[in-house]
PDB file of N, CA and C in Angstrom:
ATOM      1  N   UNK A   1      34.393  32.691 -29.472  1.00  0.00           N
ATOM      2  CA  UNK A   1      33.182  33.121 -28.793  1.00  0.00           C
ATOM      3  C   UNK A   1      33.194  32.556 -27.367  1.00  0.00           C
ATOM      4  N   UNK A   2      32.893  33.404 -26.382  1.00  0.00           N
ATOM      5  CA  UNK A   2      32.875  32.980 -24.985  1.00  0.00           C
ATOM      6  C   UNK A   2      31.612  32.175 -24.688  1.00  0.00           C
ATOM      7  N   UNK A   3      31.791  31.157 -23.830  1.00  0.00           N
ATOM      8  CA  UNK A   3      30.638  30.378 -23.391  1.00  0.00           C
ATOM      9  C   UNK A   3      29.918  31.159 -22.302  1.00  0.00           C
ATOM     10  N   UNK A   4      28.587  31.061 -22.263  1.00  0.00           N
ATOM     11  CA  UNK A   4      27.858  31.754 -21.191  1.00  0.00           C
ATOM     12  C   UNK A   4      28.212  31.153 -19.834  1.00  0.00           C
ATOM     13  N   UNK A   5      28.270  32.008 -18.831  1.00  0.00           N
ATOM     14  CA  UNK A   5      28.543  31.531 -17.476  1.00  0.00           C
ATOM     15  C   UNK A   5      27.222  31.361 -16.732  1.00  0.00           C
ATOM     16  N   UNK A   6      27.275  30.631 -15.649  1.00  0.00           N
ATOM     17  CA  UNK A   6      26.080  30.409 -14.842  1.00  0.00           C
ATOM     18  C   UNK A   6      25.514  29.025 -15.080  1.00  0.00           C
ATOM     19  N   UNK A   7      24.443  28.704 -14.352  1.00  0.00           N
ATOM     20  CA  UNK A   7      23.874  27.366 -14.452  1.00  0.00           C
ATOM     21  C   UNK A   7      23.261  27.114 -15.832  1.00  0.00           C
ATOM     22  N   UNK A   8      23.384  25.884 -16.287  1.00  0.00           N
ATOM     23  CA  UNK A   8      22.785  25.480 -17.543  1.00  0.00           C
ATOM     24  C   UNK A   8      21.323  25.124 -17.291  1.00  0.00           C
ATOM     25  N   UNK A   9      20.393  25.717 -18.041  1.00  0.00           N
ATOM     26  CA  UNK A   9      18.983  25.379 -17.818  1.00  0.00           C
ATOM     27  C   UNK A   9      18.725  23.912 -18.170  1.00  0.00           C
ATOM     28  N   UNK A  10      17.782  23.312 -17.494  1.00  0.00           N
ATOM     29  CA  UNK A  10      17.421  21.936 -17.780  1.00  0.00           C
ATOM     30  C   UNK A  10      15.913  21.790 -17.676  1.00  0.00           C
ATOM     31  N   UNK A  11      15.400  20.744 -18.285  1.00  0.00           N
ATOM     32  CA  UNK A  11      13.968  20.480 -18.328  1.00  0.00           C
ATOM     33  C   UNK A  11      13.616  19.466 -17.234  1.00  0.00           C
ATOM     34  N   UNK A  12      12.533  19.709 -16.542  1.00  0.00           N
ATOM     35  CA  UNK A  12      12.038  18.767 -15.538  1.00  0.00           C
ATOM     36  C   UNK A  12      10.787  18.119 -16.112  1.00  0.00           C
ATOM     37  N   UNK A  13      10.795  16.796 -16.161  1.00  0.00           N
ATOM     38  CA  UNK A  13       9.649  16.056 -16.674  1.00  0.00           C
ATOM     39  C   UNK A  13       8.925  15.379 -15.517  1.00  0.00           C
ATOM     40  N   UNK A  14       7.612  15.240 -15.657  1.00  0.00           N
ATOM     41  CA  UNK A  14       6.821  14.551 -14.633  1.00  0.00           C
ATOM     42  C   UNK A  14       5.760  13.710 -15.321  1.00  0.00           C
ATOM     43  N   UNK A  15       5.648  12.454 -14.887  1.00  0.00           N
ATOM     44  CA  UNK A  15       4.632  11.559 -15.429  1.00  0.00           C
ATOM     45  C   UNK A  15       3.273  11.956 -14.860  1.00  0.00           C
ATOM     46  N   UNK A  16       2.226  11.578 -15.553  1.00  0.00           N
ATOM     47  CA  UNK A  16       0.872  11.935 -15.125  1.00  0.00           C
ATOM     48  C   UNK A  16       0.566  11.420 -13.720  1.00  0.00           C
ATOM     49  N   UNK A  17       1.012  10.178 -13.410  1.00  0.00           N
ATOM     50  CA  UNK A  17       0.732   9.607 -12.088  1.00  0.00           C
ATOM     51  C   UNK A  17       1.328  10.465 -10.979  1.00  0.00           C
ATOM     52  N   UNK A  18       2.593  10.892 -11.176  1.00  0.00           N
ATOM     53  CA  UNK A  18       3.246  11.732 -10.171  1.00  0.00           C
ATOM     54  C   UNK A  18       2.644  13.136 -10.152  1.00  0.00           C
ATOM     55  N   UNK A  19       2.187  13.594 -11.303  1.00  0.00           N
ATOM     56  CA  UNK A  19       1.601  14.929 -11.395  1.00  0.00           C
ATOM     57  C   UNK A  19       0.329  15.080 -10.575  1.00  0.00           C
ATOM     58  N   UNK A  20      -0.352  13.979 -10.327  1.00  0.00           N
ATOM     59  CA  UNK A  20      -1.567  14.024  -9.521  1.00  0.00           C
ATOM     60  C   UNK A  20      -1.257  14.252  -8.047  1.00  0.00           C
ATOM     61  N   UNK A  21      -0.048  13.910  -7.631  1.00  0.00           N
ATOM     62  CA  UNK A  21       0.360  14.109  -6.241  1.00  0.00           C
ATOM     63  C   UNK A  21      -0.112  12.998  -5.326  1.00  0.00           C
ATOM     64  N   UNK A  22       0.472  12.991  -4.140  1.00  0.00           N
ATOM     65  CA  UNK A  22       0.121  12.032  -3.096  1.00  0.00           C
ATOM     66  C   UNK A  22      -0.160  12.826  -1.832  1.00  0.00           C
ATOM     67  N   UNK A  23      -1.311  12.589  -1.215  1.00  0.00           N
ATOM     68  CA  UNK A  23      -1.635  13.271   0.034  1.00  0.00           C
ATOM     69  C   UNK A  23      -0.904  12.591   1.185  1.00  0.00           C
ATOM     70  N   UNK A  24      -0.297  13.396   2.051  1.00  0.00           N
ATOM     71  CA  UNK A  24       0.395  12.877   3.228  1.00  0.00           C
ATOM     72  C   UNK A  24       0.118  13.800   4.407  1.00  0.00           C
ATOM     73  N   UNK A  25      -0.203  13.219   5.555  1.00  0.00           N
ATOM     74  CA  UNK A  25      -0.384  14.017   6.766  1.00  0.00           C
ATOM     75  C   UNK A  25       0.543  13.548   7.896  1.00  0.00           C
ATOM     76  N   UNK A  26       1.560  12.783   7.491  1.00  0.00           N
ATOM     77  CA  UNK A  26       2.518  12.256   8.461  1.00  0.00           C
ATOM     78  C   UNK A  26       3.844  12.015   7.747  1.00  0.00           C
ATOM     79  N   UNK A  27       4.942  12.426   8.354  1.00  0.00           N
ATOM     80  CA  UNK A  27       6.253  12.098   7.796  1.00  0.00           C
ATOM     81  C   UNK A  27       7.145  11.592   8.921  1.00  0.00           C
ATOM     82  N   UNK A  28       7.859  10.528   8.627  1.00  0.00           N
ATOM     83  CA  UNK A  28       8.825   9.980   9.577  1.00  0.00           C
ATOM     84  C   UNK A  28      10.197  10.200   8.968  1.00  0.00           C
ATOM     85  N   UNK A  29      11.096  10.805   9.728  1.00  0.00           N
ATOM     86  CA  UNK A  29      12.413  11.162   9.217  1.00  0.00           C
ATOM     87  C   UNK A  29      13.468  10.403  10.000  1.00  0.00           C
ATOM     88  N   UNK A  30      14.323   9.689   9.273  1.00  0.00           N
ATOM     89  CA  UNK A  30      15.462   9.011   9.874  1.00  0.00           C
ATOM     90  C   UNK A  30      16.700   9.415   9.094  1.00  0.00           C
ATOM     91  N   UNK A  31      17.861   9.180   9.686  1.00  0.00           N
ATOM     92  CA  UNK A  31      19.095   9.568   8.988  1.00  0.00           C
ATOM     93  C   UNK A  31      20.256   8.703   9.424  1.00  0.00           C
ATOM     94  N   UNK A  32      21.253   8.692   8.567  1.00  0.00           N
ATOM     95  CA  UNK A  32      22.539   8.060   8.831  1.00  0.00           C
ATOM     96  C   UNK A  32      23.587   9.122   8.529  1.00  0.00           C
ATOM     97  N   UNK A  33      24.856   8.828   8.691  1.00  0.00           N
ATOM     98  CA  UNK A  33      25.862   9.836   8.357  1.00  0.00           C
ATOM     99  C   UNK A  33      25.825  10.266   6.885  1.00  0.00           C
ATOM    100  N   UNK A  34      25.293   9.420   6.007  1.00  0.00           N
ATOM    101  CA  UNK A  34      25.362   9.731   4.576  1.00  0.00           C
ATOM    102  C   UNK A  34      24.030  10.037   3.908  1.00  0.00           C
ATOM    103  N   UNK A  35      22.898   9.856   4.614  1.00  0.00           N
ATOM    104  CA  UNK A  35      21.618  10.124   3.965  1.00  0.00           C
ATOM    105  C   UNK A  35      20.496  10.408   4.954  1.00  0.00           C
ATOM    106  N   UNK A  36      19.481  11.119   4.460  1.00  0.00           N
ATOM    107  CA  UNK A  36      18.236  11.354   5.167  1.00  0.00           C
ATOM    108  C   UNK A  36      17.159  10.564   4.445  1.00  0.00           C
ATOM    109  N   UNK A  37      16.278   9.926   5.204  1.00  0.00           N
ATOM    110  CA  UNK A  37      15.170   9.167   4.628  1.00  0.00           C
ATOM    111  C   UNK A  37      13.880   9.783   5.144  1.00  0.00           C
ATOM    112  N   UNK A  38      13.031  10.208   4.210  1.00  0.00           N
ATOM    113  CA  UNK A  38      11.735  10.789   4.546  1.00  0.00           C
ATOM    114  C   UNK A  38      10.652   9.837   4.065  1.00  0.00           C
ATOM    115  N   UNK A  39       9.897   9.264   4.988  1.00  0.00           N
ATOM    116  CA  UNK A  39       8.775   8.394   4.661  1.00  0.00           C
ATOM    117  C   UNK A  39       7.493   9.207   4.828  1.00  0.00           C
ATOM    118  N   UNK A  40       6.843   9.504   3.705  1.00  0.00           N
ATOM    119  CA  UNK A  40       5.592  10.258   3.716  1.00  0.00           C
ATOM    120  C   UNK A  40       4.450   9.256   3.799  1.00  0.00           C
ATOM    121  N   UNK A  41       3.611   9.409   4.814  1.00  0.00           N
ATOM    122  CA  UNK A  41       2.545   8.448   5.070  1.00  0.00           C
ATOM    123  C   UNK A  41       1.202   9.154   5.182  1.00  0.00           C
ATOM    124  N   UNK A  42       0.165   8.330   5.154  1.00  0.00           N
ATOM    125  CA  UNK A  42      -1.200   8.817   5.314  1.00  0.00           C
ATOM    126  C   UNK A  42      -1.818   8.066   6.478  1.00  0.00           C
ATOM    127  N   UNK A  43      -2.264   8.821   7.478  1.00  0.00           N
ATOM    128  CA  UNK A  43      -2.946   8.221   8.634  1.00  0.00           C
ATOM    129  C   UNK A  43      -4.391   8.679   8.605  1.00  0.00           C
ATOM    130  N   UNK A  44      -5.311   7.731   8.535  1.00  0.00           N
ATOM    131  CA  UNK A  44      -6.731   8.061   8.493  1.00  0.00           C
ATOM    132  C   UNK A  44      -7.349   7.847   9.861  1.00  0.00           C
ATOM    133  N   UNK A  45      -8.241   8.753  10.271  1.00  0.00           N
ATOM    134  CA  UNK A  45      -8.881   8.627  11.583  1.00  0.00           C
ATOM    135  C   UNK A  45      -9.557   7.270  11.755  1.00  0.00           C
ATOM    136  N   UNK A  46      -9.384   6.709  12.940  1.00  0.00           N
ATOM    137  CA  UNK A  46     -10.018   5.443  13.265  1.00  0.00           C
ATOM    138  C   UNK A  46      -9.243   4.207  12.851  1.00  0.00           C
ATOM    139  N   UNK A  47      -8.175   4.379  12.094  1.00  0.00           N
ATOM    140  CA  UNK A  47      -7.383   3.223  11.693  1.00  0.00           C
ATOM    141  C   UNK A  47      -6.159   3.101  12.602  1.00  0.00           C
ATOM    142  N   UNK A  48      -5.757   1.872  12.937  1.00  0.00           N
ATOM    143  CA  UNK A  48      -4.657   1.679  13.881  1.00  0.00           C
ATOM    144  C   UNK A  48      -3.258   1.895  13.292  1.00  0.00           C
ATOM    145  N   UNK A  49      -3.160   2.020  11.969  1.00  0.00           N
ATOM    146  CA  UNK A  49      -1.834   2.176  11.377  1.00  0.00           C
ATOM    147  C   UNK A  49      -1.878   3.191  10.241  1.00  0.00           C
ATOM    148  N   UNK A  50      -0.690   3.620   9.855  1.00  0.00           N
ATOM    149  CA  UNK A  50      -0.543   4.536   8.728  1.00  0.00           C
ATOM    150  C   UNK A  50       0.150   3.798   7.597  1.00  0.00           C
ATOM    151  N   UNK A  51      -0.110   4.222   6.369  1.00  0.00           N
ATOM    152  CA  UNK A  51       0.507   3.592   5.203  1.00  0.00           C
ATOM    153  C   UNK A  51       1.497   4.563   4.584  1.00  0.00           C
ATOM    154  N   UNK A  52       2.749   4.104   4.388  1.00  0.00           N
ATOM    155  CA  UNK A  52       3.761   4.925   3.721  1.00  0.00           C
ATOM    156  C   UNK A  52       3.385   4.997   2.245  1.00  0.00           C
ATOM    157  N   UNK A  53       3.261   6.229   1.737  1.00  0.00           N
ATOM    158  CA  UNK A  53       2.863   6.456   0.354  1.00  0.00           C
ATOM    159  C   UNK A  53       4.069   6.738  -0.545  1.00  0.00           C
ATOM    160  N   UNK A  54       5.143   7.271   0.048  1.00  0.00           N
ATOM    161  CA  UNK A  54       6.346   7.577  -0.735  1.00  0.00           C
ATOM    162  C   UNK A  54       7.537   7.645   0.206  1.00  0.00           C
ATOM    163  N   UNK A  55       8.688   7.202  -0.272  1.00  0.00           N
ATOM    164  CA  UNK A  55       9.939   7.302   0.479  1.00  0.00           C
ATOM    165  C   UNK A  55      10.915   8.103  -0.367  1.00  0.00           C
ATOM    166  N   UNK A  56      11.502   9.125   0.235  1.00  0.00           N
ATOM    167  CA  UNK A  56      12.494   9.965  -0.432  1.00  0.00           C
ATOM    168  C   UNK A  56      13.805   9.814   0.331  1.00  0.00           C
ATOM    169  N   UNK A  57      14.873   9.489  -0.393  1.00  0.00           N
ATOM    170  CA  UNK A  57      16.202   9.355   0.190  1.00  0.00           C
ATOM    171  C   UNK A  57      17.070  10.454  -0.420  1.00  0.00           C
ATOM    172  N   UNK A  58      17.761  11.213   0.439  1.00  0.00           N
ATOM    173  CA  UNK A  58      18.604  12.301  -0.057  1.00  0.00           C
ATOM    174  C   UNK A  58      19.842  12.474   0.803  1.00  0.00           C
ATOM    175  N   UNK A  59      20.835  13.153   0.251  1.00  0.00           N
ATOM    176  CA  UNK A  59      22.054  13.435   0.991  1.00  0.00           C
ATOM    177  C   UNK A  59      21.766  14.476   2.079  1.00  0.00           C
ATOM    178  N   UNK A  60      22.609  14.550   3.120  1.00  0.00           N
ATOM    179  CA  UNK A  60      22.429  15.599   4.127  1.00  0.00           C
ATOM    180  C   UNK A  60      22.443  17.002   3.511  1.00  0.00           C
ATOM    181  N   UNK A  61      23.283  17.212   2.501  1.00  0.00           N
ATOM    182  CA  UNK A  61      23.348  18.523   1.852  1.00  0.00           C
ATOM    183  C   UNK A  61      22.021  18.850   1.163  1.00  0.00           C
ATOM    184  N   UNK A  62      21.435  17.884   0.471  1.00  0.00           N
ATOM    185  CA  UNK A  62      20.153  18.130  -0.181  1.00  0.00           C
ATOM    186  C   UNK A  62      19.035  18.304   0.843  1.00  0.00           C
ATOM    187  N   UNK A  63      19.110  17.599   1.971  1.00  0.00           N
ATOM    188  CA  UNK A  63      18.112  17.776   3.025  1.00  0.00           C
ATOM    189  C   UNK A  63      18.160  19.204   3.561  1.00  0.00           C
ATOM    190  N   UNK A  64      19.368  19.735   3.742  1.00  0.00           N
ATOM    191  CA  UNK A  64      19.492  21.109   4.235  1.00  0.00           C
ATOM    192  C   UNK A  64      19.000  22.108   3.190  1.00  0.00           C
ATOM    193  N   UNK A  65      19.282  21.846   1.911  1.00  0.00           N
ATOM    194  CA  UNK A  65      18.760  22.705   0.846  1.00  0.00           C
ATOM    195  C   UNK A  65      17.228  22.659   0.808  1.00  0.00           C
ATOM    196  N   UNK A  66      16.648  21.475   1.039  1.00  0.00           N
ATOM    197  CA  UNK A  66      15.194  21.348   1.103  1.00  0.00           C
ATOM    198  C   UNK A  66      14.642  22.178   2.251  1.00  0.00           C
ATOM    199  N   UNK A  67      15.285  22.100   3.421  1.00  0.00           N
ATOM    200  CA  UNK A  67      14.866  22.897   4.571  1.00  0.00           C
ATOM    201  C   UNK A  67      14.848  24.380   4.227  1.00  0.00           C
ATOM    202  N   UNK A  68      15.927  24.871   3.612  1.00  0.00           N
ATOM    203  CA  UNK A  68      16.008  26.286   3.243  1.00  0.00           C
ATOM    204  C   UNK A  68      14.931  26.654   2.221  1.00  0.00           C
ATOM    205  N   UNK A  69      14.689  25.790   1.248  1.00  0.00           N
ATOM    206  CA  UNK A  69      13.660  26.062   0.242  1.00  0.00           C
ATOM    207  C   UNK A  69      12.274  26.107   0.881  1.00  0.00           C
ATOM    208  N   UNK A  70      12.002  25.192   1.816  1.00  0.00           N
ATOM    209  CA  UNK A  70      10.714  25.208   2.524  1.00  0.00           C
ATOM    210  C   UNK A  70      10.562  26.481   3.354  1.00  0.00           C
ATOM    211  N   UNK A  71      11.624  26.884   4.059  1.00  0.00           N
ATOM    212  CA  UNK A  71      11.565  28.110   4.856  1.00  0.00           C
ATOM    213  C   UNK A  71      11.243  29.313   3.974  1.00  0.00           C
ATOM    214  N   UNK A  72      11.917  29.415   2.828  1.00  0.00           N
ATOM    215  CA  UNK A  72      11.673  30.538   1.911  1.00  0.00           C
ATOM    216  C   UNK A  72      10.238  30.518   1.383  1.00  0.00           C
ATOM    217  N   UNK A  73       9.754  29.340   1.018  1.00  0.00           N
ATOM    218  CA  UNK A  73       8.412  29.244   0.454  1.00  0.00           C
ATOM    219  C   UNK A  73       7.326  29.440   1.502  1.00  0.00           C
ATOM    220  N   UNK A  74       7.544  28.996   2.734  1.00  0.00           N
ATOM    221  CA  UNK A  74       6.580  29.250   3.804  1.00  0.00           C
ATOM    222  C   UNK A  74       6.516  30.744   4.090  1.00  0.00           C
ATOM    223  N   UNK A  75       7.666  31.416   4.093  1.00  0.00           N
ATOM    224  CA  UNK A  75       7.689  32.861   4.302  1.00  0.00           C
ATOM    225  C   UNK A  75       6.880  33.573   3.214  1.00  0.00           C
ATOM    226  N   UNK A  76       7.098  33.203   1.950  1.00  0.00           N
ATOM    227  CA  UNK A  76       6.348  33.809   0.842  1.00  0.00           C
ATOM    228  C   UNK A  76       4.857  33.525   0.973  1.00  0.00           C
ATOM    229  N   UNK A  77       4.512  32.298   1.328  1.00  0.00           N
ATOM    230  CA  UNK A  77       3.109  31.913   1.502  1.00  0.00           C
ATOM    231  C   UNK A  77       2.453  32.779   2.578  1.00  0.00           C
ATOM    232  N   UNK A  78       3.133  32.893   3.744  1.00  0.00           N
ATOM    233  CA  UNK A  78       2.551  33.651   4.854  1.00  0.00           C
ATOM    234  C   UNK A  78       2.461  35.145   4.545  1.00  0.00           C
ATOM    235  N   UNK A  79       3.395  35.662   3.770  1.00  0.00           N
ATOM    236  CA  UNK A  79       3.303  37.064   3.360  1.00  0.00           C
ATOM    237  C   UNK A  79       2.060  37.299   2.505  1.00  0.00           C
ATOM    238  N   UNK A  80       1.715  36.307   1.712  1.00  0.00           N
ATOM    239  CA  UNK A  80       0.574  36.454   0.806  1.00  0.00           C
ATOM    240  C   UNK A  80      -0.754  36.083   1.463  1.00  0.00           C
ATOM    241  N   UNK A  81      -0.779  34.994   2.250  1.00  0.00           N
ATOM    242  CA  UNK A  81      -2.035  34.456   2.771  1.00  0.00           C
ATOM    243  C   UNK A  81      -2.202  34.571   4.279  1.00  0.00           C
ATOM    244  N   UNK A  82      -1.190  35.006   4.990  1.00  0.00           N
ATOM    245  CA  UNK A  82      -1.259  35.097   6.442  1.00  0.00           C
ATOM    246  C   UNK A  82      -0.569  33.922   7.109  1.00  0.00           C
ATOM    247  N   UNK A  83      -0.364  34.071   8.402  1.00  0.00           N
ATOM    248  CA  UNK A  83       0.372  33.062   9.164  1.00  0.00           C
ATOM    249  C   UNK A  83      -0.334  31.710   9.143  1.00  0.00           C
ATOM    250  N   UNK A  84       0.444  30.671   9.009  1.00  0.00           N
ATOM    251  CA  UNK A  84      -0.076  29.306   9.086  1.00  0.00           C
ATOM    252  C   UNK A  84      -0.213  28.959  10.558  1.00  0.00           C
ATOM    253  N   UNK A  85      -1.403  28.630  10.979  1.00  0.00           N
ATOM    254  CA  UNK A  85      -1.664  28.294  12.377  1.00  0.00           C
ATOM    255  C   UNK A  85      -1.452  26.805  12.608  1.00  0.00           C
ATOM    256  N   UNK A  86      -0.829  26.472  13.719  1.00  0.00           N
ATOM    257  CA  UNK A  86      -0.644  25.081  14.134  1.00  0.00           C
ATOM    258  C   UNK A  86      -1.492  24.857  15.376  1.00  0.00           C
ATOM    259  N   UNK A  87      -2.465  23.982  15.272  1.00  0.00           N
ATOM    260  CA  UNK A  87      -3.393  23.743  16.367  1.00  0.00           C
ATOM    261  C   UNK A  87      -3.085  22.423  17.056  1.00  0.00           C
ATOM    262  N   UNK A  88      -3.142  22.410  18.385  1.00  0.00           N
ATOM    263  CA  UNK A  88      -3.026  21.180  19.154  1.00  0.00           C
ATOM    264  C   UNK A  88      -1.680  20.496  19.108  1.00  0.00           C
ATOM    265  N   UNK A  89      -0.619  21.208  18.855  1.00  0.00           N
ATOM    266  CA  UNK A  89       0.697  20.573  18.752  1.00  0.00           C
ATOM    267  C   UNK A  89       1.131  19.937  20.065  1.00  0.00           C
ATOM    268  N   UNK A  90       0.749  20.511  21.194  1.00  0.00           N
ATOM    269  CA  UNK A  90       1.189  19.949  22.463  1.00  0.00           C
ATOM    270  C   UNK A  90       0.492  18.633  22.777  1.00  0.00           C
ATOM    271  N   UNK A  91      -0.672  18.379  22.176  1.00  0.00           N
ATOM    272  CA  UNK A  91      -1.403  17.143  22.430  1.00  0.00           C
ATOM    273  C   UNK A  91      -1.183  16.111  21.338  1.00  0.00           C
ATOM    274  N   UNK A  92      -1.053  16.546  20.112  1.00  0.00           N
ATOM    275  CA  UNK A  92      -0.999  15.643  18.965  1.00  0.00           C
ATOM    276  C   UNK A  92       0.406  15.083  18.773  1.00  0.00           C
ATOM    277  N   UNK A  93       0.530  13.775  18.686  1.00  0.00           N
ATOM    278  CA  UNK A  93       1.819  13.126  18.485  1.00  0.00           C
ATOM    279  C   UNK A  93       1.928  12.551  17.077  1.00  0.00           C
ATOM    280  N   UNK A  94       0.935  12.774  16.231  1.00  0.00           N
ATOM    281  CA  UNK A  94       0.962  12.282  14.856  1.00  0.00           C
ATOM    282  C   UNK A  94       1.011  13.487  13.934  1.00  0.00           C
ATOM    283  N   UNK A  95       1.811  13.413  12.905  1.00  0.00           N
ATOM    284  CA  UNK A  95       1.903  14.488  11.931  1.00  0.00           C
ATOM    285  C   UNK A  95       3.344  14.747  11.573  1.00  0.00           C
ATOM    286  N   UNK A  96       3.635  15.912  11.060  1.00  0.00           N
ATOM    287  CA  UNK A  96       4.977  16.272  10.659  1.00  0.00           C
ATOM    288  C   UNK A  96       5.701  16.789  11.898  1.00  0.00           C
ATOM    289  N   UNK A  97       6.510  15.939  12.501  1.00  0.00           N
ATOM    290  CA  UNK A  97       7.144  16.290  13.764  1.00  0.00           C
ATOM    291  C   UNK A  97       8.517  15.641  13.865  1.00  0.00           C
ATOM    292  N   UNK A  98       9.268  16.099  14.852  1.00  0.00           N
ATOM    293  CA  UNK A  98      10.584  15.536  15.107  1.00  0.00           C
ATOM    294  C   UNK A  98      10.474  14.199  15.819  1.00  0.00           C
ATOM    295  N   UNK A  99      11.604  13.576  16.151  1.00  0.00           N
ATOM    296  CA  UNK A  99      11.594  12.240  16.737  1.00  0.00           C
ATOM    297  C   UNK A  99      10.927  12.170  18.108  1.00  0.00           C
ATOM    298  N   UNK A 100      10.831  13.283  18.801  1.00  0.00           N
ATOM    299  CA  UNK A 100      10.205  13.288  20.123  1.00  0.00           C
ATOM    300  C   UNK A 100       8.709  13.571  20.052  1.00  0.00           C
ATOM    301  N   UNK A 101       8.158  13.719  18.833  1.00  0.00           N
ATOM    302  CA  UNK A 101       6.724  13.884  18.694  1.00  0.00           C
ATOM    303  C   UNK A 101       6.251  15.314  18.623  1.00  0.00           C
ATOM    304  N   UNK A 102       7.115  16.275  18.712  1.00  0.00           N
ATOM    305  CA  UNK A 102       6.712  17.665  18.593  1.00  0.00           C
ATOM    306  C   UNK A 102       7.649  18.395  17.662  1.00  0.00           C
ATOM    307  N   UNK A 103       7.348  19.623  17.390  1.00  0.00           N
ATOM    308  CA  UNK A 103       8.236  20.402  16.544  1.00  0.00           C
ATOM    309  C   UNK A 103       9.444  20.783  17.382  1.00  0.00           C
ATOM    310  N   UNK A 104      10.660  20.471  16.912  1.00  0.00           N
ATOM    311  CA  UNK A 104      11.847  20.754  17.695  1.00  0.00           C
ATOM    312  C   UNK A 104      12.022  22.242  17.963  1.00  0.00           C
ATOM    313  N   UNK A 105      12.568  22.566  19.124  1.00  0.00           N
ATOM    314  CA  UNK A 105      12.833  23.957  19.463  1.00  0.00           C
ATOM    315  C   UNK A 105      13.932  24.499  18.558  1.00  0.00           C
ATOM    316  N   UNK A 106      13.814  25.777  18.206  1.00  0.00           N
ATOM    317  CA  UNK A 106      14.848  26.390  17.361  1.00  0.00           C
ATOM    318  C   UNK A 106      15.692  27.347  18.144  1.00  0.00           C
TER     319      UNK A 106
END
């Protein structure tokens, strides 16, 4: 009997604590030749600092796969709900941005 070809299905488990999610309105991204580090933080108005809520470390290949998955999902989201508007990007230096404080040119 031939074995089925293609990816083997697997189960993804999530604990209740992780299932609740973590709110983040700021991410700091650093990298080395072998890994990308994403520090997801929460910055609250009026406070002088932000608190890192989660750190994700991944290979460059997985970081690129994440980028592609986000692009695909943002496209699907915008097709269903309309374009996501970005307000005040030229003034705001806090949030999900590149190392220079703005969204990098493509």
